[in-house]
Amino acid sequence: MKKIFHLSLLLFLFVAFVPQVQAQVDPTLSVQGILKKSNGVAVEDGAYNITFKLYTVETGGSAIWTEAQSGIEVSSGIYSATLGVITPLNVAFNQLYYLGV
């Protein structure tokens, strides 16, 4: 009986006095695409520096978010990147956005 009381007291103290940690995860967004030259042919394999921008309009307008990433591997023109790892994606995902690459 005494042992149960001690364990209960210890559990109470732990729950009551240990500050609660709330993990806040910054949102990220995975994107894939194809990089092509102006003639429509895929770029050469290699590592590229790419700047990503989010817009609220399809053409024109100002970017509401920008992130430059370096060393993105491209193979047969295909790349994959995770947005928000350098510059937090501090936009509300409650509307349509347009991605500029």
C-alpha atoms as a PDB file:
ATOM      1  CA  MET A   1       0.000   0.000   0.000  1.00  0.00           C
ATOM      2  CA  LYS A   2       2.797   2.378   0.937  1.00  0.00           C
ATOM      3  CA  LYS A   3       4.578   1.632  -2.353  1.00  0.00           C
ATOM      4  CA  ILE A   4       1.454   2.491  -4.396  1.00  0.00           C
ATOM      5  CA  PHE A   5       1.103   5.781  -2.506  1.00  0.00           C
ATOM      6  CA  HIS A   6       4.699   6.730  -3.267  1.00  0.00           C
ATOM      7  CA  LEU A   7       4.281   5.904  -6.956  1.00  0.00           C
ATOM      8  CA  SER A   8       1.047   7.882  -7.104  1.00  0.00           C
ATOM      9  CA  LEU A   9       2.664  10.849  -5.380  1.00  0.00           C
ATOM     10  CA  LEU A  10       5.643  10.693  -7.729  1.00  0.00           C
ATOM     11  CA  LEU A  11       3.364  10.547 -10.773  1.00  0.00           C
ATOM     12  CA  PHE A  12       1.339  13.510  -9.465  1.00  0.00           C
ATOM     13  CA  LEU A  13       4.468  15.581  -8.873  1.00  0.00           C
ATOM     14  CA  PHE A  14       5.827  14.729 -12.301  1.00  0.00           C
ATOM     15  CA  VAL A  15       2.613  15.709 -14.080  1.00  0.00           C
ATOM     16  CA  ALA A  16       2.022  18.803 -11.955  1.00  0.00           C
ATOM     17  CA  PHE A  17       5.484  20.315 -12.014  1.00  0.00           C
ATOM     18  CA  VAL A  18       7.130  19.291 -15.251  1.00  0.00           C
ATOM     19  CA  PRO A  19       6.518  22.016 -17.823  1.00  0.00           C
ATOM     20  CA  GLN A  20       4.550  20.763 -20.748  1.00  0.00           C
ATOM     21  CA  VAL A  21       6.409  20.868 -24.007  1.00  0.00           C
ATOM     22  CA  GLN A  22       4.386  21.515 -27.096  1.00  0.00           C
ATOM     23  CA  ALA A  23       6.182  20.738 -30.315  1.00  0.00           C
ATOM     24  CA  GLN A  24       5.431  23.181 -33.059  1.00  0.00           C
ATOM     25  CA  VAL A  25       6.305  21.831 -36.459  1.00  0.00           C
ATOM     26  CA  ASP A  26       7.021  24.282 -39.240  1.00  0.00           C
ATOM     27  CA  PRO A  27       5.037  23.317 -42.330  1.00  0.00           C
ATOM     28  CA  THR A  28       6.913  22.057 -45.374  1.00  0.00           C
ATOM     29  CA  LEU A  29       5.789  21.173 -48.863  1.00  0.00           C
ATOM     30  CA  SER A  30       7.374  18.573 -51.142  1.00  0.00           C
ATOM     31  CA  VAL A  31       7.492  19.462 -54.826  1.00  0.00           C
ATOM     32  CA  GLN A  32       8.794  17.720 -57.915  1.00  0.00           C
ATOM     33  CA  GLY A  33       9.217  19.141 -61.368  1.00  0.00           C
ATOM     34  CA  ILE A  34      11.085  19.080 -64.639  1.00  0.00           C
ATOM     35  CA  LEU A  35      13.635  21.711 -65.594  1.00  0.00           C
ATOM     36  CA  LYS A  36      13.781  22.340 -69.334  1.00  0.00           C
ATOM     37  CA  LYS A  37      15.763  24.674 -71.536  1.00  0.00           C
ATOM     38  CA  SER A  38      13.934  27.223 -73.688  1.00  0.00           C
ATOM     39  CA  ASN A  39      13.939  24.694 -76.567  1.00  0.00           C
ATOM     40  CA  GLY A  40      12.007  22.173 -74.432  1.00  0.00           C
ATOM     41  CA  VAL A  41      14.924  19.799 -73.823  1.00  0.00           C
ATOM     42  CA  ALA A  42      15.642  18.736 -70.241  1.00  0.00           C
ATOM     43  CA  VAL A  43      18.649  20.391 -68.589  1.00  0.00           C
ATOM     44  CA  GLU A  44      21.826  18.396 -68.073  1.00  0.00           C
ATOM     45  CA  ASP A  45      22.200  16.250 -64.965  1.00  0.00           C
ATOM     46  CA  GLY A  46      23.832  17.998 -62.044  1.00  0.00           C
ATOM     47  CA  ALA A  47      23.278  20.163 -59.005  1.00  0.00           C
ATOM     48  CA  TYR A  48      21.391  23.425 -59.516  1.00  0.00           C
ATOM     49  CA  ASN A  49      20.542  26.500 -57.462  1.00  0.00           C
ATOM     50  CA  ILE A  50      16.792  27.050 -57.662  1.00  0.00           C
ATOM     51  CA  THR A  51      14.625  29.846 -56.274  1.00  0.00           C
ATOM     52  CA  PHE A  52      11.012  29.033 -55.461  1.00  0.00           C
ATOM     53  CA  LYS A  53       8.323  31.712 -55.115  1.00  0.00           C
ATOM     54  CA  LEU A  54       4.651  31.562 -54.153  1.00  0.00           C
ATOM     55  CA  TYR A  55       2.132  33.915 -55.727  1.00  0.00           C
ATOM     56  CA  THR A  56      -1.571  34.519 -55.196  1.00  0.00           C
ATOM     57  CA  VAL A  57      -2.143  35.267 -58.892  1.00  0.00           C
ATOM     58  CA  GLU A  58      -1.276  33.206 -61.964  1.00  0.00           C
ATOM     59  CA  THR A  59       0.597  35.971 -63.783  1.00  0.00           C
ATOM     60  CA  GLY A  60       2.150  39.181 -62.544  1.00  0.00           C
ATOM     61  CA  GLY A  61       1.831  40.172 -58.921  1.00  0.00           C
ATOM     62  CA  SER A  62       4.407  40.008 -56.194  1.00  0.00           C
ATOM     63  CA  ALA A  63       5.717  36.892 -54.512  1.00  0.00           C
ATOM     64  CA  ILE A  64       4.311  36.373 -51.022  1.00  0.00           C
ATOM     65  CA  TRP A  65       7.038  33.859 -50.145  1.00  0.00           C
ATOM     66  CA  THR A  66      10.510  33.141 -51.547  1.00  0.00           C
ATOM     67  CA  GLU A  67      13.117  30.490 -50.842  1.00  0.00           C
ATOM     68  CA  ALA A  68      16.452  29.902 -52.575  1.00  0.00           C
ATOM     69  CA  GLN A  69      17.913  26.405 -52.378  1.00  0.00           C
ATOM     70  CA  SER A  70      21.344  25.393 -53.592  1.00  0.00           C
ATOM     71  CA  GLY A  71      22.662  22.059 -54.752  1.00  0.00           C
ATOM     72  CA  ILE A  72      19.348  20.533 -55.827  1.00  0.00           C
ATOM     73  CA  GLU A  73      20.123  17.337 -57.716  1.00  0.00           C
ATOM     74  CA  VAL A  74      18.588  17.118 -61.177  1.00  0.00           C
ATOM     75  CA  SER A  75      18.500  13.904 -63.206  1.00  0.00           C
ATOM     76  CA  SER A  76      17.024  13.837 -66.725  1.00  0.00           C
ATOM     77  CA  GLY A  77      15.601  17.244 -65.901  1.00  0.00           C
ATOM     78  CA  ILE A  78      13.658  15.947 -62.882  1.00  0.00           C
ATOM     79  CA  TYR A  79      14.157  17.549 -59.476  1.00  0.00           C
ATOM     80  CA  SER A  80      12.635  17.120 -56.048  1.00  0.00           C
ATOM     81  CA  ALA A  81      12.703  19.687 -53.246  1.00  0.00           C
ATOM     82  CA  THR A  82      11.117  20.347 -49.885  1.00  0.00           C
ATOM     83  CA  LEU A  83       9.911  23.919 -49.514  1.00  0.00           C
ATOM     84  CA  GLY A  84      10.013  25.569 -46.123  1.00  0.00           C
ATOM     85  CA  VAL A  85      13.252  24.032 -44.875  1.00  0.00           C
ATOM     86  CA  ILE A  86      15.202  27.299 -45.218  1.00  0.00           C
ATOM     87  CA  THR A  87      12.512  29.980 -45.141  1.00  0.00           C
ATOM     88  CA  PRO A  88       9.458  29.070 -43.041  1.00  0.00           C
ATOM     89  CA  LEU A  89       6.271  28.654 -45.067  1.00  0.00           C
ATOM     90  CA  ASN A  90       4.384  31.328 -43.168  1.00  0.00           C
ATOM     91  CA  VAL A  91       1.362  31.392 -45.469  1.00  0.00           C
ATOM     92  CA  ALA A  92      -2.153  30.232 -44.695  1.00  0.00           C
ATOM     93  CA  PHE A  93      -3.034  27.221 -46.817  1.00  0.00           C
ATOM     94  CA  ASN A  94      -6.627  28.312 -47.271  1.00  0.00           C
ATOM     95  CA  GLN A  95      -6.456  29.444 -50.903  1.00  0.00           C
ATOM     96  CA  LEU A  96      -4.894  28.614 -54.258  1.00  0.00           C
ATOM     97  CA  TYR A  97      -1.232  29.543 -54.733  1.00  0.00           C
ATOM     98  CA  TYR A  98       0.976  29.529 -57.818  1.00  0.00           C
ATOM     99  CA  LEU A  99       4.563  28.288 -57.621  1.00  0.00           C
ATOM    100  CA  GLY A 100       7.283  30.024 -59.586  1.00  0.00           C
ATOM    101  CA  VAL A 101      10.542  28.097 -60.099  1.00  0.00           C
END
